[in-house]
Each structure stands twice: as C-alpha cells, then as structure tokens.
C-alpha cells in the first residue's frame, strides 16, 4: 500500500494479552479485496504475514491459532529496535 492510501481496517482488529505481554493485531484490506495481517508488539516491532487471507475472520483465526499453539513470545521482538 502506498503512503497516500488509507488502510481499510477490519472491525476485528484488537489487542491480545497473554502472560502479561500485549500485541496489537491489525487486519486490513488490500487493493484486491484480500485481507492482510500484521501484528505489533509493545516495542512497536511488527510481524506481517506474507500471504493474504480471503476474509478478515480467516486472518483473526490465524493469529489466534498462532498465539494458542506457539505462544505470544513468538510475536515479541527485541526491546531495542535500533533506536538510540
């Protein structure tokens, strides 16, 4: 998406907390009508899925399954993200 294009966010966007850690889940539509999934941790590191989803609900199922099966730590990056 270009900077001039505003993201069409899904109403399914949310925060998820597990073990005292929080991630922000953003699900948004691309120009082809598919849904993209990106997660931000408390340090503003992001994890984006390469593949698009047919629906925003499919994207939500994916992030919920990831957290359930792998734990939230797999989505938490380093505290120091290169900022001095």
N, C-alpha and C. Protein backbone atom coordinates (compact mmCIF):
# COMPACT_ATOMS: atom_id res chain seq x y z
N UNK A 1 0.85 -1.18 0.00
CA UNK A 1 0.00 0.00 0.00
C UNK A 1 0.89 1.23 0.00
N UNK A 2 0.47 2.23 -0.72
CA UNK A 2 1.23 3.46 -0.74
C UNK A 2 0.88 4.30 0.47
N UNK A 3 1.74 5.27 0.73
CA UNK A 3 1.50 6.12 1.90
C UNK A 3 0.24 6.95 1.76
N UNK A 4 -0.16 7.23 0.52
CA UNK A 4 -1.34 8.06 0.28
C UNK A 4 -2.64 7.28 0.43
N UNK A 5 -2.56 5.96 0.45
CA UNK A 5 -3.74 5.13 0.57
C UNK A 5 -4.00 4.81 2.04
N UNK A 6 -5.19 5.14 2.49
CA UNK A 6 -5.55 4.85 3.88
C UNK A 6 -5.95 3.38 3.99
N UNK A 7 -5.47 2.74 5.05
CA UNK A 7 -5.80 1.34 5.27
C UNK A 7 -7.28 1.21 5.63
N UNK A 8 -7.93 0.21 5.05
CA UNK A 8 -9.30 -0.11 5.45
C UNK A 8 -9.20 -1.20 6.51
N UNK A 9 -9.27 -0.77 7.76
CA UNK A 9 -9.12 -1.70 8.88
C UNK A 9 -10.39 -2.50 9.11
N UNK A 10 -10.19 -3.73 9.51
CA UNK A 10 -11.30 -4.61 9.87
C UNK A 10 -11.80 -4.26 11.27
N UNK A 11 -13.09 -4.45 11.52
CA UNK A 11 -13.60 -4.28 12.88
C UNK A 11 -13.08 -5.38 13.82
N UNK A 12 -12.40 -6.39 13.27
CA UNK A 12 -11.85 -7.48 14.09
C UNK A 12 -10.46 -7.17 14.65
N UNK A 13 -9.90 -6.00 14.32
CA UNK A 13 -8.63 -5.60 14.91
C UNK A 13 -8.78 -5.56 16.42
N UNK A 14 -7.71 -5.91 17.13
CA UNK A 14 -7.81 -5.98 18.59
C UNK A 14 -6.43 -6.07 19.21
N UNK A 15 -6.41 -6.04 20.53
CA UNK A 15 -5.19 -6.37 21.26
C UNK A 15 -5.39 -7.73 21.89
N UNK A 16 -4.29 -8.46 22.00
CA UNK A 16 -4.31 -9.77 22.65
C UNK A 16 -3.27 -9.75 23.75
N UNK A 17 -3.65 -10.21 24.93
CA UNK A 17 -2.73 -10.26 26.06
C UNK A 17 -2.57 -11.71 26.51
N UNK A 18 -1.32 -12.08 26.77
CA UNK A 18 -1.02 -13.41 27.28
C UNK A 18 0.26 -13.30 28.10
N UNK A 19 0.25 -13.87 29.27
CA UNK A 19 1.42 -13.87 30.16
C UNK A 19 1.95 -12.46 30.43
N UNK A 20 1.04 -11.49 30.52
CA UNK A 20 1.43 -10.11 30.82
C UNK A 20 2.02 -9.37 29.63
N UNK A 21 1.99 -9.96 28.44
CA UNK A 21 2.51 -9.33 27.23
C UNK A 21 1.35 -9.03 26.30
N UNK A 22 1.49 -7.93 25.58
CA UNK A 22 0.38 -7.46 24.73
C UNK A 22 0.86 -7.29 23.30
N UNK A 23 0.03 -7.72 22.36
CA UNK A 23 0.25 -7.45 20.94
C UNK A 23 -0.98 -6.74 20.39
N UNK A 24 -0.75 -5.91 19.39
CA UNK A 24 -1.84 -5.21 18.70
C UNK A 24 -2.00 -5.87 17.33
N UNK A 25 -3.18 -6.36 17.04
CA UNK A 25 -3.47 -7.06 15.79
C UNK A 25 -4.17 -6.10 14.84
N UNK A 26 -3.56 -5.92 13.66
CA UNK A 26 -4.18 -5.12 12.61
C UNK A 26 -4.50 -6.02 11.43
N UNK A 27 -5.74 -5.98 11.02
CA UNK A 27 -6.21 -6.73 9.86
C UNK A 27 -6.78 -5.67 8.92
N UNK A 28 -6.24 -5.62 7.71
CA UNK A 28 -6.70 -4.60 6.78
C UNK A 28 -6.76 -5.14 5.36
N UNK A 29 -7.58 -4.48 4.56
CA UNK A 29 -7.86 -4.95 3.21
C UNK A 29 -6.86 -4.36 2.22
N UNK A 30 -6.40 -5.19 1.27
CA UNK A 30 -5.52 -4.69 0.22
C UNK A 30 -6.35 -4.22 -0.97
N UNK A 31 -5.69 -3.75 -2.00
CA UNK A 31 -6.40 -3.19 -3.16
C UNK A 31 -7.18 -4.25 -3.94
N UNK A 32 -6.83 -5.52 -3.75
CA UNK A 32 -7.54 -6.61 -4.43
C UNK A 32 -8.70 -7.17 -3.62
N UNK A 33 -8.93 -6.62 -2.42
CA UNK A 33 -10.03 -7.08 -1.59
C UNK A 33 -9.66 -8.22 -0.65
N UNK A 34 -8.40 -8.62 -0.67
CA UNK A 34 -7.93 -9.64 0.28
C UNK A 34 -7.56 -8.97 1.59
N UNK A 35 -7.38 -9.78 2.61
CA UNK A 35 -7.11 -9.25 3.94
C UNK A 35 -5.68 -9.57 4.37
N UNK A 36 -5.00 -8.57 4.90
CA UNK A 36 -3.62 -8.69 5.36
C UNK A 36 -3.58 -8.66 6.88
N UNK A 37 -2.60 -9.37 7.43
CA UNK A 37 -2.47 -9.49 8.88
C UNK A 37 -1.11 -8.98 9.30
N UNK A 38 -1.11 -8.05 10.25
CA UNK A 38 0.13 -7.52 10.80
C UNK A 38 -0.05 -7.36 12.30
N UNK A 39 1.00 -7.70 13.04
CA UNK A 39 0.95 -7.66 14.50
C UNK A 39 2.07 -6.76 15.00
N UNK A 40 1.76 -5.91 15.97
CA UNK A 40 2.75 -5.03 16.59
C UNK A 40 2.88 -5.41 18.06
N UNK A 41 4.12 -5.51 18.52
CA UNK A 41 4.33 -5.81 19.93
C UNK A 41 4.45 -4.51 20.73
N UNK A 42 4.69 -4.64 22.02
CA UNK A 42 4.74 -3.47 22.90
C UNK A 42 5.94 -2.57 22.61
N UNK A 43 6.90 -3.06 21.83
CA UNK A 43 8.08 -2.27 21.48
C UNK A 43 7.98 -1.72 20.05
N UNK A 44 6.81 -1.85 19.46
CA UNK A 44 6.48 -1.40 18.11
C UNK A 44 7.19 -2.20 17.01
N UNK A 45 7.69 -3.40 17.34
CA UNK A 45 8.18 -4.31 16.31
C UNK A 45 6.96 -4.89 15.61
N UNK A 46 7.08 -5.16 14.32
CA UNK A 46 5.93 -5.73 13.61
C UNK A 46 6.28 -7.08 12.99
N UNK A 47 5.25 -7.90 12.90
CA UNK A 47 5.31 -9.17 12.21
C UNK A 47 4.16 -9.16 11.21
N UNK A 48 4.48 -9.32 9.93
CA UNK A 48 3.44 -9.31 8.90
C UNK A 48 3.43 -10.66 8.19
N UNK A 49 2.25 -11.17 7.96
CA UNK A 49 2.09 -12.41 7.21
C UNK A 49 2.27 -12.09 5.73
N UNK A 50 2.99 -12.93 5.02
CA UNK A 50 3.24 -12.70 3.60
C UNK A 50 2.01 -12.99 2.75
N UNK A 51 1.26 -14.00 3.13
CA UNK A 51 0.08 -14.38 2.35
C UNK A 51 -1.15 -13.62 2.82
N UNK A 52 -2.00 -13.29 1.87
CA UNK A 52 -3.26 -12.62 2.18
C UNK A 52 -4.32 -13.67 2.54
N UNK A 53 -5.37 -13.23 3.18
CA UNK A 53 -6.48 -14.08 3.60
C UNK A 53 -7.73 -13.68 2.83
N UNK A 54 -8.62 -14.64 2.61
CA UNK A 54 -9.86 -14.37 1.89
C UNK A 54 -10.82 -13.50 2.70
N UNK A 55 -10.75 -13.63 4.02
CA UNK A 55 -11.64 -12.83 4.86
C UNK A 55 -10.88 -12.34 6.10
N UNK A 56 -11.41 -11.30 6.71
CA UNK A 56 -10.80 -10.81 7.94
C UNK A 56 -10.95 -11.83 9.06
N UNK A 57 -12.00 -12.62 9.02
CA UNK A 57 -12.20 -13.67 10.03
C UNK A 57 -11.11 -14.74 9.90
N UNK A 58 -10.73 -15.09 8.67
CA UNK A 58 -9.64 -16.05 8.47
C UNK A 58 -8.34 -15.53 9.07
N UNK A 59 -8.08 -14.25 8.90
CA UNK A 59 -6.87 -13.64 9.47
C UNK A 59 -6.91 -13.69 10.99
N UNK A 60 -8.07 -13.41 11.57
CA UNK A 60 -8.20 -13.47 13.02
C UNK A 60 -8.00 -14.90 13.52
N UNK A 61 -8.57 -15.88 12.83
CA UNK A 61 -8.35 -17.28 13.21
C UNK A 61 -6.86 -17.62 13.20
N UNK A 62 -6.14 -17.12 12.21
CA UNK A 62 -4.71 -17.40 12.08
C UNK A 62 -3.93 -16.85 13.27
N UNK A 63 -4.18 -15.62 13.66
CA UNK A 63 -3.42 -15.04 14.78
C UNK A 63 -3.80 -15.72 16.09
N UNK A 64 -5.07 -16.03 16.27
CA UNK A 64 -5.49 -16.73 17.49
C UNK A 64 -4.84 -18.11 17.58
N UNK A 65 -4.76 -18.83 16.46
CA UNK A 65 -4.13 -20.15 16.44
C UNK A 65 -2.62 -20.03 16.71
N UNK A 66 -1.99 -19.02 16.16
CA UNK A 66 -0.56 -18.81 16.37
C UNK A 66 -0.26 -18.58 17.85
N UNK A 67 -1.03 -17.70 18.47
CA UNK A 67 -0.81 -17.41 19.90
C UNK A 67 -1.11 -18.65 20.74
N UNK A 68 -2.15 -19.36 20.41
CA UNK A 68 -2.52 -20.56 21.17
C UNK A 68 -1.45 -21.66 21.03
N UNK A 69 -0.97 -21.89 19.82
CA UNK A 69 -0.05 -23.00 19.56
C UNK A 69 1.41 -22.67 19.83
N UNK A 70 1.83 -21.44 19.54
CA UNK A 70 3.24 -21.09 19.68
C UNK A 70 3.53 -20.14 20.84
N UNK A 71 2.49 -19.53 21.37
CA UNK A 71 2.66 -18.57 22.46
C UNK A 71 2.92 -17.17 21.93
N UNK A 72 2.63 -16.20 22.75
CA UNK A 72 2.76 -14.80 22.34
C UNK A 72 4.22 -14.39 22.13
N UNK A 73 5.14 -15.09 22.80
CA UNK A 73 6.56 -14.72 22.70
C UNK A 73 7.09 -14.80 21.28
N UNK A 74 6.50 -15.63 20.43
CA UNK A 74 6.98 -15.73 19.05
C UNK A 74 6.69 -14.45 18.26
N UNK A 75 5.86 -13.58 18.83
CA UNK A 75 5.50 -12.32 18.16
C UNK A 75 6.09 -11.10 18.85
N UNK A 76 6.93 -11.33 19.86
CA UNK A 76 7.55 -10.22 20.58
C UNK A 76 8.98 -10.09 20.12
N UNK A 77 9.33 -8.91 19.65
CA UNK A 77 10.69 -8.64 19.18
C UNK A 77 11.55 -8.06 20.28
N UNK A 78 12.75 -7.62 19.90
CA UNK A 78 13.66 -7.06 20.89
C UNK A 78 13.18 -5.70 21.42
N UNK A 79 13.59 -5.40 22.66
CA UNK A 79 13.24 -4.12 23.26
C UNK A 79 13.90 -3.00 22.47
N UNK A 80 15.15 -3.17 22.12
CA UNK A 80 15.89 -2.16 21.37
C UNK A 80 15.73 -2.45 19.90
N UNK A 81 14.88 -1.68 19.26
CA UNK A 81 14.65 -1.89 17.83
C UNK A 81 15.53 -0.99 16.99
N UNK A 82 16.71 -0.66 17.51
CA UNK A 82 17.66 0.13 16.75
C UNK A 82 17.59 1.62 17.04
N UNK A 83 16.75 2.01 17.95
CA UNK A 83 16.67 3.42 18.31
C UNK A 83 17.72 3.77 19.33
N UNK A 84 18.39 4.87 19.13
CA UNK A 84 19.44 5.30 20.08
C UNK A 84 18.89 6.23 21.11
